[in-house]
Amino acid sequence: MNRQKKIKQLLKAHAKKANAKLAPRSNKPRYISKADREKLAAQAAAEPGSPLDREDGPLSPA
């Protein structure tokens, strides 16, 4: 009986790990390193703004 219990316990543990791998991930956002965040911020600053933000845009008085 003891041997059967150990085998059953091992199989159950392996099945639990396999199911955990297949389970959907949490909604936690992916980590972005500090260097990557700075790079993205520099790219956003270098790009021209949207047409509504610019002074010569369609909504600004001429």
PDB file of N, CA and C in Angstrom:
ATOM      1  N   MET A   1       0.828  -1.196   0.000  1.00  0.00           N
ATOM      2  CA  MET A   1       0.000   0.000   0.000  1.00  0.00           C
ATOM      3  C   MET A   1       0.871   1.258   0.000  1.00  0.00           C
ATOM      4  N   ASN A   2       1.924   1.256   0.764  1.00  0.00           N
ATOM      5  CA  ASN A   2       2.787   2.418   0.853  1.00  0.00           C
ATOM      6  C   ASN A   2       3.415   2.760  -0.496  1.00  0.00           C
ATOM      7  N   ARG A   3       3.854   1.749  -1.236  1.00  0.00           N
ATOM      8  CA  ARG A   3       4.474   1.964  -2.537  1.00  0.00           C
ATOM      9  C   ARG A   3       3.465   2.562  -3.516  1.00  0.00           C
ATOM     10  N   GLN A   4       2.246   2.040  -3.503  1.00  0.00           N
ATOM     11  CA  GLN A   4       1.202   2.556  -4.391  1.00  0.00           C
ATOM     12  C   GLN A   4       0.883   4.018  -4.061  1.00  0.00           C
ATOM     13  N   LYS A   5       0.849   4.320  -2.789  1.00  0.00           N
ATOM     14  CA  LYS A   5       0.547   5.688  -2.364  1.00  0.00           C
ATOM     15  C   LYS A   5       1.625   6.655  -2.847  1.00  0.00           C
ATOM     16  N   LYS A   6       2.887   6.260  -2.740  1.00  0.00           N
ATOM     17  CA  LYS A   6       3.984   7.116  -3.182  1.00  0.00           C
ATOM     18  C   LYS A   6       3.929   7.358  -4.683  1.00  0.00           C
ATOM     19  N   ILE A   7       3.665   6.298  -5.444  1.00  0.00           N
ATOM     20  CA  ILE A   7       3.582   6.420  -6.897  1.00  0.00           C
ATOM     21  C   ILE A   7       2.429   7.337  -7.283  1.00  0.00           C
ATOM     22  N   LYS A   8       1.287   7.123  -6.630  1.00  0.00           N
ATOM     23  CA  LYS A   8       0.113   7.958  -6.915  1.00  0.00           C
ATOM     24  C   LYS A   8       0.403   9.419  -6.580  1.00  0.00           C
ATOM     25  N   GLN A   9       1.098   9.643  -5.467  1.00  0.00           N
ATOM     26  CA  GLN A   9       1.439  10.997  -5.038  1.00  0.00           C
ATOM     27  C   GLN A   9       2.371  11.668  -6.053  1.00  0.00           C
ATOM     28  N   LEU A  10       3.364  10.914  -6.551  1.00  0.00           N
ATOM     29  CA  LEU A  10       4.284  11.463  -7.550  1.00  0.00           C
ATOM     30  C   LEU A  10       3.560  11.821  -8.842  1.00  0.00           C
ATOM     31  N   LEU A  11       2.691  10.912  -9.300  1.00  0.00           N
ATOM     32  CA  LEU A  11       1.952  11.173 -10.533  1.00  0.00           C
ATOM     33  C   LEU A  11       1.043  12.394 -10.391  1.00  0.00           C
ATOM     34  N   LYS A  12       0.443  12.538  -9.232  1.00  0.00           N
ATOM     35  CA  LYS A  12      -0.430  13.682  -8.993  1.00  0.00           C
ATOM     36  C   LYS A  12       0.375  14.985  -9.008  1.00  0.00           C
ATOM     37  N   ALA A  13       1.575  14.947  -8.416  1.00  0.00           N
ATOM     38  CA  ALA A  13       2.425  16.142  -8.387  1.00  0.00           C
ATOM     39  C   ALA A  13       2.864  16.517  -9.793  1.00  0.00           C
ATOM     40  N   HIS A  14       3.244  15.533 -10.605  1.00  0.00           N
ATOM     41  CA  HIS A  14       3.655  15.817 -11.977  1.00  0.00           C
ATOM     42  C   HIS A  14       2.498  16.393 -12.786  1.00  0.00           C
ATOM     43  N   ALA A  15       1.306  15.854 -12.602  1.00  0.00           N
ATOM     44  CA  ALA A  15       0.126  16.350 -13.314  1.00  0.00           C
ATOM     45  C   ALA A  15      -0.187  17.787 -12.902  1.00  0.00           C
ATOM     46  N   LYS A  16      -0.024  18.072 -11.619  1.00  0.00           N
ATOM     47  CA  LYS A  16      -0.287  19.423 -11.124  1.00  0.00           C
ATOM     48  C   LYS A  16       0.680  20.429 -11.752  1.00  0.00           C
ATOM     49  N   LYS A  17       1.953  20.066 -11.860  1.00  0.00           N
ATOM     50  CA  LYS A  17       2.948  20.953 -12.473  1.00  0.00           C
ATOM     51  C   LYS A  17       2.653  21.169 -13.949  1.00  0.00           C
ATOM     52  N   ALA A  18       2.250  20.103 -14.647  1.00  0.00           N
ATOM     53  CA  ALA A  18       1.940  20.217 -16.073  1.00  0.00           C
ATOM     54  C   ALA A  18       0.736  21.128 -16.285  1.00  0.00           C
ATOM     55  N   ASN A  19      -0.277  21.013 -15.447  1.00  0.00           N
ATOM     56  CA  ASN A  19      -1.457  21.874 -15.563  1.00  0.00           C
ATOM     57  C   ASN A  19      -1.111  23.325 -15.254  1.00  0.00           C
ATOM     58  N   ALA A  20      -0.211  23.545 -14.312  1.00  0.00           N
ATOM     59  CA  ALA A  20       0.189  24.906 -13.967  1.00  0.00           C
ATOM     60  C   ALA A  20       0.908  25.567 -15.131  1.00  0.00           C
ATOM     61  N   LYS A  21       1.689  24.796 -15.882  1.00  0.00           N
ATOM     62  CA  LYS A  21       2.389  25.352 -17.042  1.00  0.00           C
ATOM     63  C   LYS A  21       1.405  25.759 -18.127  1.00  0.00           C
ATOM     64  N   LEU A  22       0.349  24.978 -18.295  1.00  0.00           N
ATOM     65  CA  LEU A  22      -0.618  25.243 -19.348  1.00  0.00           C
ATOM     66  C   LEU A  22      -1.630  26.319 -18.968  1.00  0.00           C
ATOM     67  N   ALA A  23      -1.736  26.625 -17.693  1.00  0.00           N
ATOM     68  CA  ALA A  23      -2.716  27.599 -17.224  1.00  0.00           C
ATOM     69  C   ALA A  23      -2.390  28.979 -17.783  1.00  0.00           C
ATOM     70  N   PRO A  24      -3.404  29.799 -17.995  1.00  0.00           N
ATOM     71  CA  PRO A  24      -3.154  31.139 -18.518  1.00  0.00           C
ATOM     72  C   PRO A  24      -2.366  31.981 -17.522  1.00  0.00           C
ATOM     73  N   ARG A  25      -1.570  32.856 -18.042  1.00  0.00           N
ATOM     74  CA  ARG A  25      -0.752  33.723 -17.194  1.00  0.00           C
ATOM     75  C   ARG A  25      -1.616  34.808 -16.559  1.00  0.00           C
ATOM     76  N   SER A  26      -1.095  35.468 -15.567  1.00  0.00           N
ATOM     77  CA  SER A  26      -1.831  36.540 -14.906  1.00  0.00           C
ATOM     78  C   SER A  26      -1.864  37.774 -15.801  1.00  0.00           C
ATOM     79  N   ASN A  27      -2.624  38.755 -15.398  1.00  0.00           N
ATOM     80  CA  ASN A  27      -2.756  39.984 -16.174  1.00  0.00           C
ATOM     81  C   ASN A  27      -1.627  40.964 -15.888  1.00  0.00           C
ATOM     82  N   LYS A  28      -0.621  40.498 -15.198  1.00  0.00           N
ATOM     83  CA  LYS A  28       0.503  41.354 -14.840  1.00  0.00           C
ATOM     84  C   LYS A  28       1.237  41.792 -16.109  1.00  0.00           C
ATOM     85  N   PRO A  29       1.508  43.079 -16.267  1.00  0.00           N
ATOM     86  CA  PRO A  29       2.206  43.534 -17.471  1.00  0.00           C
ATOM     87  C   PRO A  29       3.647  43.035 -17.510  1.00  0.00           C
ATOM     88  N   ARG A  30       4.156  42.868 -18.711  1.00  0.00           N
ATOM     89  CA  ARG A  30       5.525  42.386 -18.885  1.00  0.00           C
ATOM     90  C   ARG A  30       6.517  43.436 -18.402  1.00  0.00           C
ATOM     91  N   TYR A  31       7.593  43.001 -17.786  1.00  0.00           N
ATOM     92  CA  TYR A  31       8.593  43.926 -17.259  1.00  0.00           C
ATOM     93  C   TYR A  31       9.355  44.587 -18.397  1.00  0.00           C
ATOM     94  N   ILE A  32       9.528  45.907 -18.305  1.00  0.00           N
ATOM     95  CA  ILE A  32      10.317  46.655 -19.281  1.00  0.00           C
ATOM     96  C   ILE A  32      11.472  47.280 -18.513  1.00  0.00           C
ATOM     97  N   SER A  33      12.688  47.001 -18.955  1.00  0.00           N
ATOM     98  CA  SER A  33      13.858  47.482 -18.225  1.00  0.00           C
ATOM     99  C   SER A  33      13.943  49.006 -18.278  1.00  0.00           C
ATOM    100  N   LYS A  34      14.704  49.550 -17.373  1.00  0.00           N
ATOM    101  CA  LYS A  34      14.840  50.998 -17.271  1.00  0.00           C
ATOM    102  C   LYS A  34      15.415  51.572 -18.557  1.00  0.00           C
ATOM    103  N   ALA A  35      16.421  50.898 -19.133  1.00  0.00           N
ATOM    104  CA  ALA A  35      17.030  51.368 -20.372  1.00  0.00           C
ATOM    105  C   ALA A  35      16.009  51.381 -21.510  1.00  0.00           C
ATOM    106  N   ASP A  36      15.185  50.343 -21.577  1.00  0.00           N
ATOM    107  CA  ASP A  36      14.153  50.293 -22.616  1.00  0.00           C
ATOM    108  C   ASP A  36      13.109  51.383 -22.415  1.00  0.00           C
ATOM    109  N   ARG A  37      12.740  51.648 -21.148  1.00  0.00           N
ATOM    110  CA  ARG A  37      11.768  52.709 -20.877  1.00  0.00           C
ATOM    111  C   ARG A  37      12.329  54.057 -21.312  1.00  0.00           C
ATOM    112  N   GLU A  38      13.613  54.308 -21.036  1.00  0.00           N
ATOM    113  CA  GLU A  38      14.227  55.566 -21.450  1.00  0.00           C
ATOM    114  C   GLU A  38      14.275  55.674 -22.966  1.00  0.00           C
ATOM    115  N   LYS A  39      14.578  54.560 -23.626  1.00  0.00           N
ATOM    116  CA  LYS A  39      14.629  54.548 -25.088  1.00  0.00           C
ATOM    117  C   LYS A  39      13.249  54.861 -25.677  1.00  0.00           C
ATOM    118  N   LEU A  40      12.202  54.269 -25.111  1.00  0.00           N
ATOM    119  CA  LEU A  40      10.853  54.532 -25.591  1.00  0.00           C
ATOM    120  C   LEU A  40      10.449  55.982 -25.344  1.00  0.00           C
ATOM    121  N   ALA A  41      10.844  56.521 -24.204  1.00  0.00           N
ATOM    122  CA  ALA A  41      10.524  57.910 -23.906  1.00  0.00           C
ATOM    123  C   ALA A  41      11.239  58.847 -24.874  1.00  0.00           C
ATOM    124  N   ALA A  42      12.487  58.535 -25.217  1.00  0.00           N
ATOM    125  CA  ALA A  42      13.233  59.364 -26.166  1.00  0.00           C
ATOM    126  C   ALA A  42      12.601  59.297 -27.550  1.00  0.00           C
ATOM    127  N   GLN A  43      12.144  58.117 -27.942  1.00  0.00           N
ATOM    128  CA  GLN A  43      11.486  57.985 -29.244  1.00  0.00           C
ATOM    129  C   GLN A  43      10.171  58.766 -29.264  1.00  0.00           C
ATOM    130  N   ALA A  44       9.432  58.723 -28.179  1.00  0.00           N
ATOM    131  CA  ALA A  44       8.161  59.440 -28.117  1.00  0.00           C
ATOM    132  C   ALA A  44       8.398  60.940 -28.161  1.00  0.00           C
ATOM    133  N   ALA A  45       9.484  61.395 -27.532  1.00  0.00           N
ATOM    134  CA  ALA A  45       9.787  62.823 -27.544  1.00  0.00           C
ATOM    135  C   ALA A  45      10.270  63.266 -28.921  1.00  0.00           C
ATOM    136  N   ALA A  46      10.938  62.387 -29.652  1.00  0.00           N
ATOM    137  CA  ALA A  46      11.474  62.751 -30.958  1.00  0.00           C
ATOM    138  C   ALA A  46      10.391  62.771 -32.024  1.00  0.00           C
ATOM    139  N   GLU A  47       9.334  61.995 -31.866  1.00  0.00           N
ATOM    140  CA  GLU A  47       8.263  61.946 -32.854  1.00  0.00           C
ATOM    141  C   GLU A  47       7.444  63.224 -32.775  1.00  0.00           C
ATOM    142  N   PRO A  48       6.981  63.715 -33.919  1.00  0.00           N
ATOM    143  CA  PRO A  48       6.113  64.902 -33.881  1.00  0.00           C
ATOM    144  C   PRO A  48       4.784  64.540 -33.233  1.00  0.00           C
ATOM    145  N   GLY A  49       4.164  65.512 -32.591  1.00  0.00           N
ATOM    146  CA  GLY A  49       2.902  65.271 -31.907  1.00  0.00           C
ATOM    147  C   GLY A  49       1.782  65.020 -32.895  1.00  0.00           C
ATOM    148  N   SER A  50       0.623  64.714 -32.365  1.00  0.00           N
ATOM    149  CA  SER A  50      -0.537  64.487 -33.229  1.00  0.00           C
ATOM    150  C   SER A  50      -0.962  65.821 -33.844  1.00  0.00           C
ATOM    151  N   PRO A  51      -1.746  65.831 -34.905  1.00  0.00           N
ATOM    152  CA  PRO A  51      -2.150  67.074 -35.564  1.00  0.00           C
ATOM    153  C   PRO A  51      -2.938  67.984 -34.634  1.00  0.00           C
ATOM    154  N   LEU A  52      -3.588  67.452 -33.631  1.00  0.00           N
ATOM    155  CA  LEU A  52      -4.350  68.293 -32.711  1.00  0.00           C
ATOM    156  C   LEU A  52      -3.442  69.012 -31.724  1.00  0.00           C
ATOM    157  N   ASP A  53      -2.266  68.486 -31.460  1.00  0.00           N
ATOM    158  CA  ASP A  53      -1.359  69.093 -30.494  1.00  0.00           C
ATOM    159  C   ASP A  53      -0.516  70.207 -31.101  1.00  0.00           C
ATOM    160  N   ARG A  54      -0.299  70.169 -32.392  1.00  0.00           N
ATOM    161  CA  ARG A  54       0.585  71.155 -33.016  1.00  0.00           C
ATOM    162  C   ARG A  54      -0.121  72.495 -33.163  1.00  0.00           C
ATOM    163  N   GLU A  55       0.656  73.570 -33.246  1.00  0.00           N
ATOM    164  CA  GLU A  55       0.090  74.904 -33.378  1.00  0.00           C
ATOM    165  C   GLU A  55      -0.546  75.122 -34.738  1.00  0.00           C
ATOM    166  N   ASP A  56       0.014  74.491 -35.777  1.00  0.00           N
ATOM    167  CA  ASP A  56      -0.529  74.668 -37.114  1.00  0.00           C
ATOM    168  C   ASP A  56      -1.590  73.623 -37.437  1.00  0.00           C
ATOM    169  N   GLY A  57      -2.132  72.973 -36.416  1.00  0.00           N
ATOM    170  CA  GLY A  57      -3.141  71.932 -36.584  1.00  0.00           C
ATOM    171  C   GLY A  57      -4.463  72.514 -37.041  1.00  0.00           C
ATOM    172  N   PRO A  58      -5.439  71.681 -37.359  1.00  0.00           N
ATOM    173  CA  PRO A  58      -6.710  72.140 -37.886  1.00  0.00           C
ATOM    174  C   PRO A  58      -7.564  72.898 -36.868  1.00  0.00           C
ATOM    175  N   LEU A  59      -7.351  72.701 -35.580  1.00  0.00           N
ATOM    176  CA  LEU A  59      -8.181  73.357 -34.575  1.00  0.00           C
ATOM    177  C   LEU A  59      -7.611  74.678 -34.093  1.00  0.00           C
ATOM    178  N   SER A  60      -6.367  74.959 -34.390  1.00  0.00           N
ATOM    179  CA  SER A  60      -5.781  76.204 -33.883  1.00  0.00           C
ATOM    180  C   SER A  60      -6.150  77.363 -34.803  1.00  0.00           C
ATOM    181  N   PRO A  61      -6.435  78.525 -34.208  1.00  0.00           N
ATOM    182  CA  PRO A  61      -6.758  79.695 -35.043  1.00  0.00           C
ATOM    183  C   PRO A  61      -5.519  80.183 -35.782  1.00  0.00           C
ATOM    184  N   ALA A  62      -5.712  80.600 -37.016  1.00  0.00           N
ATOM    185  CA  ALA A  62      -4.569  81.041 -37.824  1.00  0.00           C
ATOM    186  C   ALA A  62      -4.342  82.513 -37.738  1.00  0.00           C
TER     187      ALA A  62
END
